[in-house]
Amino acid sequence: MAGPARVISWQAHMWRRLSLCLLIAAGCAAFSGHLAQAQEATGNAPTPENVALPPELPPSIASSIPVLAQFKKGLYDLGYNLQFSYFADPWVNPIGGVKQGAAYEGLLYMVLDADLAKIAGLEGLSFRASAYQIHGRQLSADNIFNLARVDSIEARPAIRLFELWIEKKFNDFASIRIGQLAADNQFFISDFGNSLYINLTFGWPTIFSADLPGGGGPNYPLATPGVRLKVTPNDQLAFLLGLYNGDPAGSGFTGLEQIKDPAGLNFRLRDPPLLMTEMQYRYNQDKTASGLAGTIKLGGLYHFGKFYDQLFDVDGQSLALPSSNGIAKTYRGNYSLYGVIDQMLWRLPGDDPKKGVGAFGRVAVFPTDRNLVDFYAEAGVNFMGLWDKRPDDNFGIAASFTQLSPNVRQLDADRAFFTSTPLPLRNYELVVELTYQAQIVAGWTVQPDFQYIFHPGGGTIDPVNPFVGPIPDAAVFGVRTQISF
């Protein structure tokens, strides 16, 4: 049986690579079909020195290079928004963790957004295709063994498709998006937290990645088939509803999700679904508002899959008992409630309501019995554009707290008792991050960063040196360089 299985595995791998190549080729064909038009459109445009990128586009290094600015604007006028972002993140942990050392983590993020109204006259329709090229060594996985990643781009090296969807907007009232989707860029987002802190930029916090199958469900670096509905009855309110395949790679809780779907092309539909909903309320967002800007989000999720008790077996005994059959009690379904707040505390005089001092917080809870992590909270304070000589620089300090379930601690205590072995009782992990983001030019930032990790892994025993007890607290220094086109 080894021979046929090996052939099937090789064929599956070949077809995944071939499919990815076909997707890229199709995108290039569609893109090149309008390239001549872009060149013609920019040929009669203003001189390169006078080209300014539309304000709705994110900061781009192209704005400092006239030829690139002219090219990017020409494409945008035709309906294409082509983006590249490169993240270069060297790190060192001189103390703590399982071992000390240095690591380099890199990520190239590629996005093509297409306005189908401009391109093909299909009013209200848009399209996105995005992909990652991930490389480097993982500091958290290799050195520290903590629950929260030091660097949120940390993932297995690969070239993988991320999102591939089409969206229909119904004026400004509603939109529906369908295709290969991520949920971490739609739900449970803090505008202040995700935009600045390196351990929060990509993906969901620890509680979701630990408690949902496949490393957190539709969450960096894996997307999955799904549908998302957004309703915005006015400028202040928005309601989100998303339904996704609940296990993008079909890996369950094995930790093999990035191995089982190496190119992001599984497109699974047969796993138990994940349902998410969120209400968003924004206030004082206009530059003429007299009050301080803020956003409140309340949401929840329900996963329809199978989950396992952290303490008891199917007979109701502790899994640590020598007489236990070792088969954990199962539950049908899992759920969470969460909240997010972003609030300006002081506004710098001027037109921008988001310049000044702002604070943020996120909190989430899961049931204790079937989850490794039952409570998560984070909070931070951002100082944005306070220095008139550096108006686009940001500085901040934040902390995240991950609490392991009481059932996990009880299981540790039972194991220590029945084996007559002193073992640490896992309880929590706390991470403090101090960071400064300096803009060199638009689209190019350099960001020194310091993190201190208390109780890595929740206070779990050191797997390399078990006789020294829990993994020692770790200090981490790094710097991120981000260049975006």
Protein backbone atom coordinates (compact mmCIF):
# COMPACT_ATOMS: atom_id res chain seq x y z
CA MET A 1 0.00 0.00 0.00
CA ALA A 2 2.99 2.32 0.46
CA GLY A 3 3.51 2.69 -3.30
CA PRO A 4 -0.03 3.82 -4.29
CA ALA A 5 -0.27 6.11 -1.24
CA ARG A 6 2.98 7.75 -2.23
CA VAL A 7 1.72 8.23 -5.81
CA ILE A 8 -1.56 9.75 -4.60
CA SER A 9 0.32 12.12 -2.28
CA TRP A 10 2.65 13.17 -5.13
CA GLN A 11 -0.27 13.71 -7.51
CA ALA A 12 -2.16 15.79 -4.94
CA HIS A 13 0.93 17.91 -4.37
CA MET A 14 1.39 18.36 -8.14
CA TRP A 15 -2.22 19.43 -8.67
CA ARG A 16 -2.03 21.93 -5.81
CA ARG A 17 1.05 23.56 -7.33
CA LEU A 18 -0.50 23.47 -10.81
CA SER A 19 -3.71 25.08 -9.51
CA LEU A 20 -1.74 27.85 -7.84
CA CYS A 21 0.18 28.48 -11.07
CA LEU A 22 -3.10 28.61 -13.03
CA LEU A 23 -4.57 31.11 -10.58
CA ILE A 24 -1.52 33.32 -10.88
CA ALA A 25 -1.54 32.99 -14.67
CA ALA A 26 -5.23 33.89 -14.85
CA GLY A 27 -4.63 36.97 -12.72
CA CYS A 28 -1.67 38.00 -14.85
CA ALA A 29 -3.70 37.56 -18.04
CA ALA A 30 -6.53 39.72 -16.75
CA PHE A 31 -4.05 42.27 -15.47
CA SER A 32 -1.97 42.43 -18.65
CA GLY A 33 -5.12 42.90 -20.74
CA HIS A 34 -5.35 46.42 -19.32
CA LEU A 35 -1.66 47.18 -19.00
CA ALA A 36 -1.53 48.84 -22.41
CA GLN A 37 -4.54 50.94 -21.42
CA ALA A 38 -2.72 51.97 -18.22
CA GLN A 39 0.29 53.05 -20.21
CA GLU A 40 -1.91 54.98 -22.63
CA ALA A 41 -3.83 56.57 -19.74
CA THR A 42 -0.66 57.67 -17.99
CA GLY A 43 0.96 58.81 -21.19
CA ASN A 44 -1.24 61.92 -21.27
CA ALA A 45 -1.20 62.36 -17.50
CA PRO A 46 0.52 65.21 -15.68
CA THR A 47 4.30 65.12 -15.41
CA PRO A 48 5.54 62.57 -12.86
CA GLU A 49 6.50 65.33 -10.42
CA ASN A 50 2.83 66.36 -10.21
CA VAL A 51 1.29 62.91 -9.72
CA ALA A 52 -0.39 62.35 -6.35
CA LEU A 53 -1.88 59.04 -5.29
CA PRO A 54 -5.59 59.10 -4.36
CA PRO A 55 -6.03 59.71 -0.60
CA GLU A 56 -8.16 56.56 -0.19
CA LEU A 57 -5.13 54.38 -1.00
CA PRO A 58 -2.90 53.22 1.88
CA PRO A 59 0.55 54.85 2.15
CA SER A 60 2.84 53.66 -0.64
CA ILE A 61 6.53 54.02 -1.38
CA ALA A 62 5.40 54.79 -4.93
CA SER A 63 4.45 58.31 -3.81
CA SER A 64 8.19 59.04 -3.43
CA ILE A 65 9.10 57.64 -6.85
CA PRO A 66 7.35 59.66 -9.60
CA VAL A 67 7.41 56.96 -12.27
CA LEU A 68 5.90 54.39 -9.91
CA ALA A 69 3.32 56.89 -8.66
CA GLN A 70 2.25 57.59 -12.24
CA PHE A 71 2.02 53.86 -13.00
CA LYS A 72 0.09 53.04 -9.80
CA LYS A 73 -2.37 55.89 -10.31
CA GLY A 74 -2.90 54.89 -13.95
CA LEU A 75 -3.81 51.36 -12.90
CA TYR A 76 -6.05 52.65 -10.12
CA ASP A 77 -7.93 54.88 -12.55
CA LEU A 78 -8.61 51.78 -14.64
CA GLY A 79 -9.94 49.88 -11.62
CA TYR A 80 -6.87 48.00 -10.34
CA ASN A 81 -5.23 48.45 -6.97
CA LEU A 82 -2.01 46.46 -6.93
CA GLN A 83 -0.27 46.28 -3.53
CA PHE A 84 2.93 44.70 -2.24
CA SER A 85 4.11 44.87 1.37
CA TYR A 86 7.37 43.42 2.63
CA PHE A 87 8.02 42.86 6.33
CA ALA A 88 11.61 42.26 7.48
CA ASP A 89 11.76 41.35 11.18
CA PRO A 90 15.05 40.35 12.89
CA TRP A 91 14.76 39.25 16.54
CA VAL A 92 16.96 38.20 19.44
CA ASN A 93 16.08 36.79 22.86
CA PRO A 94 19.21 37.18 25.04
CA ILE A 95 17.54 35.76 28.15
CA GLY A 96 14.78 33.31 28.92
CA GLY A 97 12.79 30.87 26.85
CA VAL A 98 13.81 27.30 26.15
CA LYS A 99 16.98 28.58 24.50
CA GLN A 100 18.51 31.91 23.50
CA GLY A 101 19.39 33.09 20.03
CA ALA A 102 18.43 35.18 17.03
CA ALA A 103 15.96 34.73 14.20
CA TYR A 104 14.88 36.51 11.02
CA GLU A 105 11.24 36.41 9.94
CA GLY A 106 10.12 37.79 6.59
CA LEU A 107 6.84 38.15 4.75
CA LEU A 108 5.85 39.37 1.29
CA TYR A 109 2.13 40.15 1.11
CA MET A 110 0.67 40.52 -2.39
CA VAL A 111 -2.81 41.87 -3.14
CA LEU A 112 -4.75 42.66 -6.30
CA ASP A 113 -8.08 44.46 -5.83
CA ALA A 114 -10.24 44.98 -8.89
CA ASP A 115 -13.17 47.37 -9.23
CA LEU A 116 -15.37 45.50 -11.68
CA ALA A 117 -17.58 48.55 -12.20
CA LYS A 118 -14.66 50.39 -13.81
CA ILE A 119 -13.25 47.34 -15.55
CA ALA A 120 -16.37 45.63 -16.87
CA GLY A 121 -19.31 47.90 -16.04
CA LEU A 122 -20.55 45.57 -13.27
CA GLU A 123 -21.85 48.10 -10.79
CA GLY A 124 -21.13 47.41 -7.13
CA LEU A 125 -18.90 44.39 -7.79
CA SER A 126 -15.28 44.03 -6.70
CA PHE A 127 -12.74 41.22 -6.60
CA ARG A 128 -9.68 40.39 -4.50
CA ALA A 129 -6.85 37.91 -4.80
CA SER A 130 -4.05 37.86 -2.22
CA ALA A 131 -1.10 35.65 -1.39
CA TYR A 132 1.82 35.33 1.04
CA GLN A 133 5.43 34.38 0.65
CA ILE A 134 6.59 33.49 4.16
CA HIS A 135 10.21 32.79 5.03
CA GLY A 136 12.64 32.76 7.94
CA ARG A 137 12.92 31.02 11.29
CA GLN A 138 10.20 31.21 13.95
CA LEU A 139 11.47 32.67 17.23
CA SER A 140 8.42 31.71 19.31
CA ALA A 141 8.20 28.15 18.00
CA ASP A 142 11.96 27.49 18.07
CA ASN A 143 13.26 29.44 21.08
CA ILE A 144 10.58 30.54 23.53
CA PHE A 145 7.65 28.10 23.24
CA ASN A 146 5.14 30.78 24.25
CA LEU A 147 1.44 30.77 23.42
CA ALA A 148 1.27 34.28 21.90
CA ARG A 149 3.63 34.69 18.96
CA VAL A 150 6.33 37.32 19.42
CA ASP A 151 5.86 38.22 15.76
CA SER A 152 2.38 37.86 14.31
CA ILE A 153 3.79 37.03 10.83
CA GLU A 154 5.38 33.88 12.28
CA ALA A 155 4.29 30.87 10.23
CA ARG A 156 5.70 27.92 8.38
CA PRO A 157 7.77 29.03 5.31
CA ALA A 158 5.62 28.72 2.20
CA ILE A 159 4.08 30.41 -0.81
CA ARG A 160 0.35 30.28 -0.23
CA LEU A 161 -2.86 31.70 -1.56
CA PHE A 162 -4.75 33.66 1.08
CA GLU A 163 -8.01 35.32 0.00
CA LEU A 164 -9.88 34.94 -3.30
CA TRP A 165 -13.33 36.49 -3.23
CA ILE A 166 -15.93 38.60 -5.01
CA GLU A 167 -18.07 41.22 -3.26
CA LYS A 168 -21.34 42.88 -4.18
CA LYS A 169 -22.22 46.23 -2.60
CA PHE A 170 -25.80 47.47 -2.44
CA ASN A 171 -25.20 51.22 -2.36
CA ASP A 172 -23.86 52.11 1.09
CA PHE A 173 -26.38 49.98 2.97
CA ALA A 174 -25.05 46.43 2.66
CA SER A 175 -22.46 44.20 1.04
CA ILE A 176 -22.05 40.47 0.64
CA ARG A 177 -18.70 38.76 0.12
CA ILE A 178 -18.24 35.15 -0.98
CA GLY A 179 -15.23 32.99 -1.80
CA GLN A 180 -12.00 32.08 -0.04
CA LEU A 181 -12.19 34.33 3.04
CA ALA A 182 -10.36 35.17 6.23
CA ALA A 183 -12.34 36.13 9.31
CA ASP A 184 -9.50 37.69 11.32
CA ASN A 185 -9.58 40.85 9.15
CA GLN A 186 -13.33 41.28 9.69
CA PHE A 187 -14.09 40.24 13.28
CA PHE A 188 -12.52 40.97 16.68
CA ILE A 189 -10.29 43.78 15.36
CA SER A 190 -8.88 46.70 17.35
CA ASP A 191 -7.99 49.61 15.06
CA PHE A 192 -5.36 50.89 17.49
CA GLY A 193 -3.98 47.50 18.52
CA ASN A 194 -3.77 45.74 15.16
CA SER A 195 -2.29 48.74 13.37
CA LEU A 196 0.73 49.21 15.65
CA TYR A 197 1.81 46.22 17.74
CA ILE A 198 3.95 43.59 16.06
CA ASN A 199 2.49 40.67 17.99
CA LEU A 200 -1.06 41.76 17.03
CA THR A 201 -0.73 42.88 13.37
CA PHE A 202 -1.70 39.58 11.70
CA GLY A 203 -4.16 36.98 12.91
CA TRP A 204 -6.31 36.57 15.98
CA PRO A 205 -5.10 36.64 19.60
CA THR A 206 -4.08 33.51 21.45
CA ILE A 207 -7.52 32.54 22.72
CA PHE A 208 -8.97 32.02 19.24
CA SER A 209 -5.87 30.32 17.83
CA ALA A 210 -5.75 27.94 20.82
CA ASP A 211 -9.45 27.10 21.09
CA LEU A 212 -10.58 26.80 17.46
CA PRO A 213 -9.57 23.91 15.16
CA GLY A 214 -6.88 24.34 12.55
CA GLY A 215 -4.88 26.90 14.52
CA GLY A 216 -7.76 29.32 14.90
CA GLY A 217 -10.06 28.69 11.95
CA PRO A 218 -10.03 31.20 9.04
CA ASN A 219 -7.10 33.11 10.45
CA TYR A 220 -3.62 34.05 9.15
CA PRO A 221 -2.06 32.31 7.30
CA LEU A 222 -5.08 30.18 6.25
CA ALA A 223 -8.31 31.36 4.65
CA THR A 224 -11.27 29.14 3.85
CA PRO A 225 -14.52 29.11 1.82
CA GLY A 226 -17.18 31.27 3.38
CA VAL A 227 -19.66 34.09 3.06
CA ARG A 228 -19.79 37.41 4.94
CA LEU A 229 -22.70 39.86 5.11
CA LYS A 230 -22.23 43.45 6.28
CA VAL A 231 -25.11 45.86 6.90
CA THR A 232 -24.44 49.56 7.57
CA PRO A 233 -27.74 51.36 8.24
CA ASN A 234 -25.86 54.62 8.94
CA ASP A 235 -22.38 56.04 9.41
CA GLN A 236 -22.25 54.95 13.04
CA LEU A 237 -23.66 51.42 13.02
CA ALA A 238 -22.54 48.25 11.26
CA PHE A 239 -23.60 44.61 11.65
CA LEU A 240 -21.48 41.68 10.47
CA LEU A 241 -22.47 38.06 9.95
CA GLY A 242 -20.05 35.44 8.68
CA LEU A 243 -20.32 31.70 7.96
CA TYR A 244 -17.08 29.82 7.26
CA ASN A 245 -15.75 26.32 6.94
CA GLY A 246 -14.58 25.82 10.51
CA ASP A 247 -11.31 23.99 9.89
CA PRO A 248 -9.46 25.38 6.82
CA ALA A 249 -7.01 22.47 6.48
CA GLY A 250 -9.07 19.69 8.08
CA SER A 251 -6.33 19.26 10.68
CA GLY A 252 -8.38 19.55 13.88
CA PHE A 253 -6.18 20.24 16.89
CA THR A 254 -3.10 18.42 15.59
CA GLY A 255 -1.11 21.56 14.80
CA LEU A 256 -0.55 20.30 11.24
CA GLU A 257 -2.77 22.82 9.47
CA GLN A 258 0.06 24.53 7.55
CA ILE A 259 1.50 21.15 6.53
CA LYS A 260 -1.83 19.69 5.40
CA ASP A 261 -2.61 22.79 3.29
CA PRO A 262 0.83 24.04 2.19
CA ALA A 263 -0.38 26.22 -0.69
CA GLY A 264 -3.77 27.40 0.65
CA LEU A 265 -5.65 25.49 -2.04
CA ASN A 266 -7.66 22.93 -0.09
CA PHE A 267 -10.95 24.89 -0.44
CA ARG A 268 -12.60 22.60 2.13
CA LEU A 269 -16.40 22.61 2.48
CA ARG A 270 -17.14 19.47 4.47
CA ASP A 271 -15.93 20.48 7.94
CA PRO A 272 -18.27 21.71 10.71
CA PRO A 273 -19.00 25.41 10.14
CA LEU A 274 -18.00 28.47 12.14
CA LEU A 275 -20.66 31.16 12.60
CA MET A 276 -19.63 34.68 13.66
CA THR A 277 -21.54 37.88 14.32
CA GLU A 278 -20.54 41.38 15.42
CA MET A 279 -22.11 44.77 16.09
CA GLN A 280 -19.97 47.91 15.60
CA TYR A 281 -20.71 51.41 16.87
CA ARG A 282 -18.48 54.33 15.83
CA TYR A 283 -18.82 57.87 17.13
CA ASN A 284 -17.14 61.27 16.68
CA GLN A 285 -15.26 60.04 13.60
CA ASP A 286 -15.63 63.27 11.62
CA LYS A 287 -12.89 65.90 11.82
CA THR A 288 -15.52 68.50 12.83
CA ALA A 289 -16.80 66.41 15.78
CA SER A 290 -16.59 68.12 19.15
CA GLY A 291 -16.15 64.87 21.11
CA LEU A 292 -13.38 62.29 21.11
CA ALA A 293 -13.51 59.52 18.51
CA GLY A 294 -14.19 55.96 19.56
CA THR A 295 -15.40 52.54 18.44
CA ILE A 296 -17.17 49.80 20.38
CA LYS A 297 -17.57 46.27 19.01
CA LEU A 298 -19.51 43.40 20.57
CA GLY A 299 -19.58 39.95 19.04
CA GLY A 300 -19.64 36.22 19.40
CA LEU A 301 -19.05 32.96 17.59
CA TYR A 302 -20.32 29.41 17.54
CA HIS A 303 -18.37 26.47 16.14
CA PHE A 304 -20.45 23.38 15.30
CA GLY A 305 -17.60 20.86 15.58
CA LYS A 306 -16.48 18.36 18.22
CA PHE A 307 -14.43 19.51 21.22
CA TYR A 308 -12.72 17.63 24.03
CA ASP A 309 -12.80 18.05 27.79
CA GLN A 310 -9.56 19.31 29.30
CA LEU A 311 -9.91 17.27 32.52
CA PHE A 312 -12.38 14.38 32.40
CA ASP A 313 -12.59 11.22 30.35
CA VAL A 314 -15.78 9.66 28.98
CA ASP A 315 -16.36 7.93 32.34
CA GLY A 316 -16.14 11.16 34.31
CA GLN A 317 -12.71 10.40 35.79
CA SER A 318 -9.66 12.63 35.65
CA LEU A 319 -7.55 11.91 32.58
CA ALA A 320 -4.55 11.78 34.94
CA LEU A 321 -5.87 8.75 36.83
CA PRO A 322 -3.89 5.57 36.12
CA SER A 323 -7.23 3.79 35.66
CA SER A 324 -8.50 6.33 33.10
CA ASN A 325 -9.09 5.04 29.58
CA GLY A 326 -7.45 8.22 28.25
CA ILE A 327 -10.41 9.10 26.02
CA ALA A 328 -11.55 12.63 26.77
CA LYS A 329 -15.22 13.49 27.16
CA THR A 330 -16.54 15.17 24.01
CA TYR A 331 -18.84 18.14 23.49
CA ARG A 332 -20.79 19.14 20.43
CA GLY A 333 -20.03 22.78 19.71
CA ASN A 334 -17.99 25.62 21.16
CA TYR A 335 -18.76 29.29 21.63
CA SER A 336 -17.30 32.64 22.65
CA LEU A 337 -18.33 36.19 23.47
CA TYR A 338 -16.00 39.15 23.00
CA GLY A 339 -15.76 42.92 23.11
CA VAL A 340 -13.45 45.58 21.66
CA ILE A 341 -13.02 49.27 22.40
CA ASP A 342 -10.84 51.92 20.72
CA GLN A 343 -11.10 55.30 22.41
CA MET A 344 -9.26 58.59 21.93
CA LEU A 345 -8.26 60.06 25.30
CA TRP A 346 -6.90 63.36 23.99
CA ARG A 347 -7.05 64.86 20.53
CA LEU A 348 -4.25 66.89 19.00
CA PRO A 349 -5.62 70.21 17.72
CA GLY A 350 -6.22 69.94 14.00
CA ASP A 351 -8.31 68.12 11.42
CA ASP A 352 -7.41 64.50 12.20
CA PRO A 353 -9.59 62.97 14.96
CA LYS A 354 -7.11 60.05 15.29
CA LYS A 355 -4.03 62.15 16.17
CA GLY A 356 -3.26 62.38 19.87
CA VAL A 357 -3.48 59.81 22.67
CA GLY A 358 -5.74 56.78 22.32
CA ALA A 359 -6.39 53.61 24.29
CA PHE A 360 -7.70 50.22 23.27
CA GLY A 361 -8.84 46.99 24.86
CA ARG A 362 -10.07 43.56 23.80
CA VAL A 363 -11.53 40.78 25.91
CA ALA A 364 -12.88 37.29 25.05
CA VAL A 365 -14.19 34.31 26.99
CA PHE A 366 -14.69 30.62 26.14
CA PRO A 367 -16.19 27.78 28.22
CA THR A 368 -13.79 26.34 30.80
CA ASP A 369 -14.48 22.65 30.27
CA ARG A 370 -13.55 22.18 26.59
CA ASN A 371 -10.88 24.84 25.98
CA LEU A 372 -7.19 25.29 26.74
CA VAL A 373 -7.70 29.06 27.20
CA ASP A 374 -10.88 30.38 28.81
CA PHE A 375 -10.11 34.10 29.17
CA TYR A 376 -8.09 36.66 27.21
CA ALA A 377 -7.62 40.40 27.71
CA GLU A 378 -5.37 43.03 26.20
CA ALA A 379 -5.03 46.76 26.61
CA GLY A 380 -2.69 49.50 25.47
CA VAL A 381 -2.10 53.21 25.03
CA ASN A 382 -1.00 54.74 21.70
CA PHE A 383 0.64 58.14 21.18
CA MET A 384 -0.04 59.18 17.58
CA GLY A 385 1.54 62.08 15.70
CA LEU A 386 2.33 64.13 18.80
CA TRP A 387 5.59 65.64 17.50
CA ASP A 388 5.08 68.21 14.76
CA LYS A 389 8.44 67.31 13.20
CA ARG A 390 7.39 63.63 12.99
CA PRO A 391 3.60 63.83 12.42
CA ASP A 392 3.25 60.24 11.17
CA ASP A 393 5.21 58.49 13.94
CA ASN A 394 3.42 56.33 16.54
CA PHE A 395 4.54 55.09 19.93
CA GLY A 396 2.76 52.67 22.24
CA ILE A 397 2.80 50.28 25.16
CA ALA A 398 0.43 47.32 25.46
CA ALA A 399 -0.05 44.14 27.45
CA SER A 400 -1.91 40.90 26.70
CA PHE A 401 -3.06 38.37 29.31
CA THR A 402 -3.89 34.77 28.40
CA GLN A 403 -5.50 32.68 31.16
CA LEU A 404 -5.42 28.92 30.89
CA SER A 405 -8.55 27.07 31.93
CA PRO A 406 -8.91 25.98 35.58
CA ASN A 407 -9.51 22.46 34.22
CA VAL A 408 -6.00 22.55 32.71
CA ARG A 409 -4.51 23.52 36.07
CA GLN A 410 -6.46 20.77 37.82
CA LEU A 411 -5.21 18.21 35.32
CA ASP A 412 -1.63 19.33 36.06
CA ALA A 413 -2.29 18.95 39.79
CA ASP A 414 -3.76 15.47 39.29
CA ARG A 415 -0.77 14.36 37.22
CA ALA A 416 1.63 15.62 39.87
CA PHE A 417 -0.32 13.77 42.57
CA PHE A 418 -0.71 10.43 40.81
CA THR A 419 2.87 10.35 39.52
CA SER A 420 4.37 11.72 42.76
CA THR A 421 6.30 14.17 40.60
CA PRO A 422 6.54 17.91 41.30
CA LEU A 423 5.07 19.65 38.26
CA PRO A 424 4.27 23.33 37.61
CA LEU A 425 0.59 24.19 37.40
CA ARG A 426 -0.10 26.11 34.22
CA ASN A 427 -1.97 29.33 34.90
CA TYR A 428 -1.37 32.33 32.61
CA GLU A 429 0.91 34.01 30.10
CA LEU A 430 1.48 37.77 30.15
CA VAL A 431 3.20 39.72 27.37
CA VAL A 432 4.21 43.39 27.55
CA GLU A 433 5.21 45.16 24.33
CA LEU A 434 6.86 48.56 23.93
CA THR A 435 7.18 49.84 20.36
CA TYR A 436 7.94 52.93 18.26
CA GLN A 437 6.91 53.17 14.62
CA ALA A 438 8.88 55.76 12.63
CA GLN A 439 7.85 56.70 9.10
CA ILE A 440 10.86 57.30 6.86
CA VAL A 441 8.69 58.26 3.90
CA ALA A 442 5.12 57.32 3.02
CA GLY A 443 5.00 53.53 2.67
CA TRP A 444 8.28 52.89 4.53
CA THR A 445 8.43 52.49 8.31
CA VAL A 446 11.07 51.29 10.74
CA GLN A 447 9.85 49.99 14.11
CA PRO A 448 12.10 49.09 17.07
CA ASP A 449 10.28 46.74 19.44
CA PHE A 450 10.75 45.24 22.90
CA GLN A 451 8.69 42.47 24.46
CA TYR A 452 8.85 40.74 27.82
CA ILE A 453 7.07 37.41 28.22
CA PHE A 454 6.03 36.24 31.69
CA HIS A 455 5.22 32.53 32.14
CA PRO A 456 5.89 31.39 28.55
CA GLY A 457 3.42 28.67 27.61
CA GLY A 458 1.35 29.53 30.65
CA GLY A 459 4.08 28.36 33.02
CA THR A 460 4.55 24.97 31.39
CA ILE A 461 7.57 22.83 32.18
CA ASP A 462 10.70 23.38 30.10
CA PRO A 463 10.65 20.52 27.51
CA VAL A 464 14.43 20.67 27.02
CA ASN A 465 15.43 21.06 30.68
CA PRO A 466 12.53 19.61 32.68
CA PHE A 467 14.53 19.53 35.92
CA VAL A 468 14.81 23.34 36.00
CA GLY A 469 11.02 23.69 36.15
CA PRO A 470 8.88 26.06 34.06
CA ILE A 471 10.21 27.84 30.97
CA PRO A 472 12.02 30.99 32.19
CA ASP A 473 10.58 34.43 31.45
CA ALA A 474 11.96 35.84 28.20
CA ALA A 475 13.06 39.25 26.96
CA VAL A 476 12.94 39.89 23.21
CA PHE A 477 14.39 42.73 21.14
CA GLY A 478 13.65 43.32 17.47
CA VAL A 479 13.06 45.80 14.71
CA ARG A 480 10.54 45.69 11.88
CA THR A 481 11.12 47.29 8.51
CA GLN A 482 7.98 47.52 6.36
CA ILE A 483 7.97 48.73 2.76
CA SER A 484 4.64 48.95 0.93
CA PHE A 485 3.92 49.64 -2.72
